[in-house]
Amino acid sequence: MRLKYSEEALNDLDEILAFIAKESPARAVSFIEEIKEKIELLLDFPALGVSCQSKGIPANCRVMIFGAYLIFYSVVEEDILILSIINAAKDYATQ
């Protein structure tokens, strides 16, 4: 399996990094590393997250939780595509 990030997901990571860096640049870097480590688990366990439909999202994707963030992804053949990473406080059903 291969791990790929959509442009939106890369932008999400940049925004998370910038937000946390306002308070602690070192913590921002380590937090992004932790998110990426969690995402890398998908290489061995692609069904780790729950289906988006089970959360009321009419899309063919899966979602897993990391702290206060939701990581949306889809599995297509040999690729795991990270679609977006959003704060769980947002209205994720409209993402």
C-alpha atoms as a PDB file:
ATOM      1  CA  MET A   1       0.000   0.000   0.000  1.00  0.00           C
ATOM      2  CA  ARG A   2       1.023   3.573  -0.648  1.00  0.00           C
ATOM      3  CA  LEU A   3       0.107   6.635   1.367  1.00  0.00           C
ATOM      4  CA  LYS A   4      -0.852   9.815  -0.510  1.00  0.00           C
ATOM      5  CA  TYR A   5      -2.032  13.226   0.685  1.00  0.00           C
ATOM      6  CA  SER A   6      -4.505  15.385  -1.199  1.00  0.00           C
ATOM      7  CA  GLU A   7      -3.669  19.056  -1.649  1.00  0.00           C
ATOM      8  CA  GLU A   8      -6.443  19.844   0.853  1.00  0.00           C
ATOM      9  CA  ALA A   9      -4.925  17.520   3.467  1.00  0.00           C
ATOM     10  CA  LEU A  10      -1.491  19.105   3.019  1.00  0.00           C
ATOM     11  CA  ASN A  11      -3.073  22.542   3.467  1.00  0.00           C
ATOM     12  CA  ASP A  12      -4.860  21.277   6.577  1.00  0.00           C
ATOM     13  CA  LEU A  13      -1.544  20.130   8.070  1.00  0.00           C
ATOM     14  CA  ASP A  14       0.001  23.525   7.312  1.00  0.00           C
ATOM     15  CA  GLU A  15      -2.910  25.305   9.009  1.00  0.00           C
ATOM     16  CA  ILE A  16      -2.706  23.062  12.081  1.00  0.00           C
ATOM     17  CA  LEU A  17       1.037  23.660  12.274  1.00  0.00           C
ATOM     18  CA  ALA A  18       0.608  27.437  12.015  1.00  0.00           C
ATOM     19  CA  PHE A  19      -2.167  27.495  14.618  1.00  0.00           C
ATOM     20  CA  ILE A  20      -0.221  25.507  17.223  1.00  0.00           C
ATOM     21  CA  ALA A  21       3.033  27.336  16.426  1.00  0.00           C
ATOM     22  CA  LYS A  22       1.482  30.588  17.655  1.00  0.00           C
ATOM     23  CA  GLU A  23       1.779  29.181  21.171  1.00  0.00           C
ATOM     24  CA  SER A  24       4.632  26.695  20.791  1.00  0.00           C
ATOM     25  CA  PRO A  25       6.636  26.145  17.617  1.00  0.00           C
ATOM     26  CA  ALA A  26       8.288  23.023  19.046  1.00  0.00           C
ATOM     27  CA  ARG A  27       4.952  21.492  20.010  1.00  0.00           C
ATOM     28  CA  ALA A  28       3.541  22.292  16.574  1.00  0.00           C
ATOM     29  CA  VAL A  29       6.270  20.264  14.877  1.00  0.00           C
ATOM     30  CA  SER A  30       5.920  17.331  17.278  1.00  0.00           C
ATOM     31  CA  PHE A  31       2.122  17.348  16.930  1.00  0.00           C
ATOM     32  CA  ILE A  32       2.330  17.141  13.135  1.00  0.00           C
ATOM     33  CA  GLU A  33       4.778  14.250  13.505  1.00  0.00           C
ATOM     34  CA  GLU A  34       2.293  12.493  15.812  1.00  0.00           C
ATOM     35  CA  ILE A  35      -0.545  12.955  13.314  1.00  0.00           C
ATOM     36  CA  LYS A  36       1.625  11.522  10.543  1.00  0.00           C
ATOM     37  CA  GLU A  37       2.572   8.542  12.724  1.00  0.00           C
ATOM     38  CA  LYS A  38      -1.131   7.847  13.328  1.00  0.00           C
ATOM     39  CA  ILE A  39      -1.810   8.131   9.602  1.00  0.00           C
ATOM     40  CA  GLU A  40       1.014   5.690   8.834  1.00  0.00           C
ATOM     41  CA  LEU A  41      -0.858   3.040  10.849  1.00  0.00           C
ATOM     42  CA  LEU A  42      -3.273   2.932   7.924  1.00  0.00           C
ATOM     43  CA  LEU A  43      -0.591   1.244   5.834  1.00  0.00           C
ATOM     44  CA  ASP A  44      -0.979  -1.857   8.014  1.00  0.00           C
ATOM     45  CA  PHE A  45      -4.606  -1.335   9.059  1.00  0.00           C
ATOM     46  CA  PRO A  46      -6.498   0.450   6.251  1.00  0.00           C
ATOM     47  CA  ALA A  47      -9.873  -0.226   7.891  1.00  0.00           C
ATOM     48  CA  LEU A  48      -8.789   1.414  11.159  1.00  0.00           C
ATOM     49  CA  GLY A  49     -11.284   4.252  10.794  1.00  0.00           C
ATOM     50  CA  VAL A  50     -15.061   4.011  10.552  1.00  0.00           C
ATOM     51  CA  SER A  51     -17.045   4.540   7.370  1.00  0.00           C
ATOM     52  CA  CYS A  52     -18.130   8.091   6.684  1.00  0.00           C
ATOM     53  CA  GLN A  53     -21.691   6.869   6.063  1.00  0.00           C
ATOM     54  CA  SER A  54     -21.870   5.702   9.692  1.00  0.00           C
ATOM     55  CA  LYS A  55     -21.264   9.336  10.684  1.00  0.00           C
ATOM     56  CA  GLY A  56     -23.941  10.697   8.373  1.00  0.00           C
ATOM     57  CA  ILE A  57     -21.569  11.755   5.600  1.00  0.00           C
ATOM     58  CA  PRO A  58     -22.742  10.574   2.192  1.00  0.00           C
ATOM     59  CA  ALA A  59     -19.257   9.918   0.834  1.00  0.00           C
ATOM     60  CA  ASN A  60     -17.231   6.824   0.138  1.00  0.00           C
ATOM     61  CA  CYS A  61     -14.522   7.448   2.713  1.00  0.00           C
ATOM     62  CA  ARG A  62     -13.404   6.510   6.189  1.00  0.00           C
ATOM     63  CA  VAL A  63     -12.578   8.668   9.203  1.00  0.00           C
ATOM     64  CA  MET A  64     -10.311   8.129  12.175  1.00  0.00           C
ATOM     65  CA  ILE A  65      -9.808  10.267  15.241  1.00  0.00           C
ATOM     66  CA  PHE A  66      -6.563  11.760  16.473  1.00  0.00           C
ATOM     67  CA  GLY A  67      -7.074  13.905  19.546  1.00  0.00           C
ATOM     68  CA  ALA A  68      -9.391  16.740  18.552  1.00  0.00           C
ATOM     69  CA  TYR A  69      -8.900  16.061  14.845  1.00  0.00           C
ATOM     70  CA  LEU A  70     -10.718  13.917  12.308  1.00  0.00           C
ATOM     71  CA  ILE A  71      -8.660  12.375   9.543  1.00  0.00           C
ATOM     72  CA  PHE A  72     -10.723  11.616   6.439  1.00  0.00           C
ATOM     73  CA  TYR A  73      -9.305   9.128   3.970  1.00  0.00           C
ATOM     74  CA  SER A  74     -10.227   6.673   1.265  1.00  0.00           C
ATOM     75  CA  VAL A  75      -8.721   3.381   0.209  1.00  0.00           C
ATOM     76  CA  VAL A  76      -8.487   2.875  -3.536  1.00  0.00           C
ATOM     77  CA  GLU A  77      -6.774  -0.290  -4.724  1.00  0.00           C
ATOM     78  CA  GLU A  78      -3.205   0.003  -3.376  1.00  0.00           C
ATOM     79  CA  ASP A  79      -3.452   3.654  -2.300  1.00  0.00           C
ATOM     80  CA  ILE A  80      -4.591   5.286   0.895  1.00  0.00           C
ATOM     81  CA  LEU A  81      -5.510   8.868   0.103  1.00  0.00           C
ATOM     82  CA  ILE A  82      -5.678  11.302   3.004  1.00  0.00           C
ATOM     83  CA  LEU A  83      -8.510  13.626   2.003  1.00  0.00           C
ATOM     84  CA  SER A  84      -8.637  16.153   4.834  1.00  0.00           C
ATOM     85  CA  ILE A  85      -7.770  16.693   8.479  1.00  0.00           C
ATOM     86  CA  ILE A  86     -10.169  18.900  10.406  1.00  0.00           C
ATOM     87  CA  ASN A  87     -10.874  19.878  13.970  1.00  0.00           C
ATOM     88  CA  ALA A  88     -13.720  17.787  15.345  1.00  0.00           C
ATOM     89  CA  ALA A  89     -15.427  20.955  16.587  1.00  0.00           C
ATOM     90  CA  LYS A  90     -16.154  21.944  12.981  1.00  0.00           C
ATOM     91  CA  ASP A  91     -19.260  20.803  11.158  1.00  0.00           C
ATOM     92  CA  TYR A  92     -17.541  17.830   9.552  1.00  0.00           C
ATOM     93  CA  ALA A  93     -20.684  16.660   7.776  1.00  0.00           C
ATOM     94  CA  THR A  94     -20.350  19.584   5.361  1.00  0.00           C
ATOM     95  CA  GLN A  95     -16.653  19.056   4.618  1.00  0.00           C
END
